[in-house]
């Protein structure tokens, strides 16, 4: 059995999609003046972190869809491995950047709702890593 055929995968996929929608909502809010009155340097860092979060969550969705395609037999192993490797590296880079800029530093520049989104993204990213590790252990 492939982990992309489990309830945990479906739950992770749904949570990741919901996070993507919420992040997009915050991007729209900021684009329409939702940070009025916030100092410019804080606003720029918030916009930057929203961009990183959007990239991270989009990468997680892509990775999850790759696993689902592989589980459904829609992708050969060579293509799958190449895509997973590339996406995994990009996901790790954006995840580390967000963790360093927002979580390690306390995220003082982010409104609490956005910091919560970053924290959720980080937890989902680590869950996906754990699931990937279990999948690799099963097939080793």
C-alpha atoms as a PDB file:
ATOM      1  CA  UNK A   1       0.000   0.000   0.000  1.00  0.00           C
ATOM      2  CA  UNK A   2       1.246   3.469  -0.887  1.00  0.00           C
ATOM      3  CA  UNK A   3       0.850   6.194   1.743  1.00  0.00           C
ATOM      4  CA  UNK A   4      -0.898   8.391  -0.829  1.00  0.00           C
ATOM      5  CA  UNK A   5      -3.828   5.969  -0.566  1.00  0.00           C
ATOM      6  CA  UNK A   6      -4.335   6.496   3.172  1.00  0.00           C
ATOM      7  CA  UNK A   7      -6.668   8.630   5.249  1.00  0.00           C
ATOM      8  CA  UNK A   8      -3.639  10.471   6.687  1.00  0.00           C
ATOM      9  CA  UNK A   9      -2.603  11.476   3.175  1.00  0.00           C
ATOM     10  CA  UNK A  10      -6.115  12.747   2.402  1.00  0.00           C
ATOM     11  CA  UNK A  11      -6.162  14.693   5.665  1.00  0.00           C
ATOM     12  CA  UNK A  12      -2.734  16.193   4.934  1.00  0.00           C
ATOM     13  CA  UNK A  13      -3.813  17.089   1.401  1.00  0.00           C
ATOM     14  CA  UNK A  14      -7.009  18.778   2.676  1.00  0.00           C
ATOM     15  CA  UNK A  15      -5.138  20.697   5.383  1.00  0.00           C
ATOM     16  CA  UNK A  16      -2.508  21.839   2.886  1.00  0.00           C
ATOM     17  CA  UNK A  17      -5.169  22.983   0.418  1.00  0.00           C
ATOM     18  CA  UNK A  18      -7.015  24.870   3.173  1.00  0.00           C
ATOM     19  CA  UNK A  19      -3.745  26.559   4.177  1.00  0.00           C
ATOM     20  CA  UNK A  20      -3.146  27.559   0.560  1.00  0.00           C
ATOM     21  CA  UNK A  21      -6.622  29.134   0.397  1.00  0.00           C
ATOM     22  CA  UNK A  22      -6.100  31.003   3.678  1.00  0.00           C
ATOM     23  CA  UNK A  23      -2.689  32.243   2.566  1.00  0.00           C
ATOM     24  CA  UNK A  24      -4.184  33.445  -0.713  1.00  0.00           C
ATOM     25  CA  UNK A  25      -6.882  35.278   1.265  1.00  0.00           C
ATOM     26  CA  UNK A  26      -4.189  37.100   3.258  1.00  0.00           C
ATOM     27  CA  UNK A  27      -2.274  37.970   0.080  1.00  0.00           C
ATOM     28  CA  UNK A  28      -5.466  39.498  -1.323  1.00  0.00           C
ATOM     29  CA  UNK A  29      -6.081  41.361   1.924  1.00  0.00           C
ATOM     30  CA  UNK A  30      -2.572  42.852   1.912  1.00  0.00           C
ATOM     31  CA  UNK A  31      -2.874  43.751  -1.777  1.00  0.00           C
ATOM     32  CA  UNK A  32      -6.023  45.724  -0.995  1.00  0.00           C
ATOM     33  CA  UNK A  33      -4.513  47.775   1.828  1.00  0.00           C
ATOM     34  CA  UNK A  34      -5.054  45.347   4.674  1.00  0.00           C
ATOM     35  CA  UNK A  35      -1.887  46.523   6.408  1.00  0.00           C
ATOM     36  CA  UNK A  36      -2.642  50.238   6.444  1.00  0.00           C
ATOM     37  CA  UNK A  37      -0.885  51.983   9.284  1.00  0.00           C
ATOM     38  CA  UNK A  38       1.842  49.336   9.530  1.00  0.00           C
ATOM     39  CA  UNK A  39       5.398  50.696   9.189  1.00  0.00           C
ATOM     40  CA  UNK A  40       6.821  50.163   5.707  1.00  0.00           C
ATOM     41  CA  UNK A  41       9.675  47.873   6.798  1.00  0.00           C
ATOM     42  CA  UNK A  42       7.257  45.640   8.697  1.00  0.00           C
ATOM     43  CA  UNK A  43       4.871  45.587   5.736  1.00  0.00           C
ATOM     44  CA  UNK A  44       7.673  44.613   3.329  1.00  0.00           C
ATOM     45  CA  UNK A  45       8.789  41.753   5.581  1.00  0.00           C
ATOM     46  CA  UNK A  46       5.193  40.573   5.922  1.00  0.00           C
ATOM     47  CA  UNK A  47       4.705  40.610   2.135  1.00  0.00           C
ATOM     48  CA  UNK A  48       8.021  38.757   1.703  1.00  0.00           C
ATOM     49  CA  UNK A  49       7.006  36.100   4.214  1.00  0.00           C
ATOM     50  CA  UNK A  50       3.605  35.706   2.590  1.00  0.00           C
ATOM     51  CA  UNK A  51       5.411  35.132  -0.688  1.00  0.00           C
ATOM     52  CA  UNK A  52       7.633  32.471   0.911  1.00  0.00           C
ATOM     53  CA  UNK A  53       4.599  30.833   2.540  1.00  0.00           C
ATOM     54  CA  UNK A  54       2.707  30.791  -0.750  1.00  0.00           C
ATOM     55  CA  UNK A  55       5.718  29.151  -2.431  1.00  0.00           C
ATOM     56  CA  UNK A  56       6.081  26.627   0.357  1.00  0.00           C
ATOM     57  CA  UNK A  57       2.430  25.599   0.404  1.00  0.00           C
ATOM     58  CA  UNK A  58       2.232  25.452  -3.400  1.00  0.00           C
ATOM     59  CA  UNK A  59       5.322  23.214  -3.347  1.00  0.00           C
ATOM     60  CA  UNK A  60       3.721  20.958  -0.747  1.00  0.00           C
ATOM     61  CA  UNK A  61       0.574  20.670  -2.872  1.00  0.00           C
ATOM     62  CA  UNK A  62       2.686  19.786  -5.909  1.00  0.00           C
ATOM     63  CA  UNK A  63       4.574  17.171  -3.952  1.00  0.00           C
ATOM     64  CA  UNK A  64       1.367  15.638  -2.609  1.00  0.00           C
ATOM     65  CA  UNK A  65      -0.143  15.537  -6.099  1.00  0.00           C
ATOM     66  CA  UNK A  66       3.007  13.789  -7.361  1.00  0.00           C
ATOM     67  CA  UNK A  67       2.640  11.121  -4.692  1.00  0.00           C
ATOM     68  CA  UNK A  68      -1.023  10.677  -5.557  1.00  0.00           C
ATOM     69  CA  UNK A  69      -0.158  10.344  -9.267  1.00  0.00           C
ATOM     70  CA  UNK A  70       2.484   7.731  -8.444  1.00  0.00           C
ATOM     71  CA  UNK A  71       0.042   5.807  -6.251  1.00  0.00           C
ATOM     72  CA  UNK A  72      -2.486   5.814  -9.113  1.00  0.00           C
ATOM     73  CA  UNK A  73       0.150   4.533 -11.551  1.00  0.00           C
ATOM     74  CA  UNK A  74       0.054   7.730 -13.611  1.00  0.00           C
ATOM     75  CA  UNK A  75       3.780   8.466 -13.294  1.00  0.00           C
ATOM     76  CA  UNK A  76       6.782   6.251 -13.958  1.00  0.00           C
ATOM     77  CA  UNK A  77       9.356   5.814 -11.204  1.00  0.00           C
ATOM     78  CA  UNK A  78      12.153   7.786 -12.931  1.00  0.00           C
ATOM     79  CA  UNK A  79       9.956  10.833 -13.561  1.00  0.00           C
ATOM     80  CA  UNK A  80       8.551  10.592 -10.062  1.00  0.00           C
ATOM     81  CA  UNK A  81      11.975  10.449  -8.374  1.00  0.00           C
ATOM     82  CA  UNK A  82      13.315  13.397 -10.381  1.00  0.00           C
ATOM     83  CA  UNK A  83      10.306  15.563  -9.579  1.00  0.00           C
ATOM     84  CA  UNK A  84      10.273  14.596  -5.896  1.00  0.00           C
ATOM     85  CA  UNK A  85      13.970  15.416  -5.588  1.00  0.00           C
ATOM     86  CA  UNK A  86      13.600  18.840  -7.194  1.00  0.00           C
ATOM     87  CA  UNK A  87      10.459  19.774  -5.267  1.00  0.00           C
ATOM     88  CA  UNK A  88      11.930  18.463  -2.036  1.00  0.00           C
ATOM     89  CA  UNK A  89      14.977  20.703  -2.357  1.00  0.00           C
ATOM     90  CA  UNK A  90      12.854  23.773  -3.119  1.00  0.00           C
ATOM     91  CA  UNK A  91      10.502  22.985  -0.256  1.00  0.00           C
ATOM     92  CA  UNK A  92      13.401  22.616   2.153  1.00  0.00           C
ATOM     93  CA  UNK A  93      14.860  25.989   1.099  1.00  0.00           C
ATOM     94  CA  UNK A  94      11.605  27.927   1.507  1.00  0.00           C
ATOM     95  CA  UNK A  95      10.809  26.066   4.734  1.00  0.00           C
ATOM     96  CA  UNK A  96      14.170  26.892   6.262  1.00  0.00           C
ATOM     97  CA  UNK A  97      13.881  30.529   5.205  1.00  0.00           C
ATOM     98  CA  UNK A  98      10.431  30.849   6.770  1.00  0.00           C
ATOM     99  CA  UNK A  99      11.456  29.029   9.941  1.00  0.00           C
ATOM    100  CA  UNK A 100      14.530  31.215  10.330  1.00  0.00           C
ATOM    101  CA  UNK A 101      12.808  34.513   9.542  1.00  0.00           C
ATOM    102  CA  UNK A 102       9.517  33.930  11.317  1.00  0.00           C
ATOM    103  CA  UNK A 103       9.621  31.136  13.833  1.00  0.00           C
ATOM    104  CA  UNK A 104      13.149  31.372  15.217  1.00  0.00           C
ATOM    105  CA  UNK A 105      13.055  35.165  15.450  1.00  0.00           C
ATOM    106  CA  UNK A 106       9.615  35.095  17.056  1.00  0.00           C
ATOM    107  CA  UNK A 107       7.878  36.538  13.997  1.00  0.00           C
ATOM    108  CA  UNK A 108       7.492  39.910  15.698  1.00  0.00           C
ATOM    109  CA  UNK A 109       6.872  41.613  12.359  1.00  0.00           C
ATOM    110  CA  UNK A 110       3.929  39.342  11.489  1.00  0.00           C
ATOM    111  CA  UNK A 111       0.366  39.800  12.631  1.00  0.00           C
ATOM    112  CA  UNK A 112      -0.632  36.834  14.858  1.00  0.00           C
ATOM    113  CA  UNK A 113      -2.930  35.352  12.198  1.00  0.00           C
ATOM    114  CA  UNK A 114      -0.095  35.229   9.673  1.00  0.00           C
ATOM    115  CA  UNK A 115       2.328  33.759  12.196  1.00  0.00           C
ATOM    116  CA  UNK A 116      -0.234  30.998  12.804  1.00  0.00           C
ATOM    117  CA  UNK A 117      -0.288  30.268   9.054  1.00  0.00           C
ATOM    118  CA  UNK A 118       3.510  30.012   8.991  1.00  0.00           C
ATOM    119  CA  UNK A 119       3.465  27.660  11.997  1.00  0.00           C
ATOM    120  CA  UNK A 120       0.817  25.459  10.360  1.00  0.00           C
ATOM    121  CA  UNK A 121       2.850  25.355   7.154  1.00  0.00           C
ATOM    122  CA  UNK A 122       5.931  24.296   9.081  1.00  0.00           C
ATOM    123  CA  UNK A 123       4.035  21.493  10.849  1.00  0.00           C
ATOM    124  CA  UNK A 124       2.575  20.263   7.553  1.00  0.00           C
ATOM    125  CA  UNK A 125       6.002  20.347   5.918  1.00  0.00           C
ATOM    126  CA  UNK A 126       7.438  18.196   8.704  1.00  0.00           C
ATOM    127  CA  UNK A 127       4.487  15.805   8.515  1.00  0.00           C
ATOM    128  CA  UNK A 128       5.117  15.345   4.798  1.00  0.00           C
ATOM    129  CA  UNK A 129       8.809  14.683   5.499  1.00  0.00           C
ATOM    130  CA  UNK A 130       7.803  12.046   8.061  1.00  0.00           C
ATOM    131  CA  UNK A 131       5.419  10.397   5.625  1.00  0.00           C
ATOM    132  CA  UNK A 132       8.108  10.394   2.939  1.00  0.00           C
ATOM    133  CA  UNK A 133      10.516   8.775   5.392  1.00  0.00           C
ATOM    134  CA  UNK A 134       8.008   6.062   6.247  1.00  0.00           C
ATOM    135  CA  UNK A 135       7.384   5.424   2.559  1.00  0.00           C
ATOM    136  CA  UNK A 136      11.100   5.094   1.885  1.00  0.00           C
ATOM    137  CA  UNK A 137      11.557   2.733   4.849  1.00  0.00           C
ATOM    138  CA  UNK A 138       8.752   0.490   3.588  1.00  0.00           C
ATOM    139  CA  UNK A 139      10.243   0.257   0.113  1.00  0.00           C
ATOM    140  CA  UNK A 140      13.863  -0.208   1.237  1.00  0.00           C
END
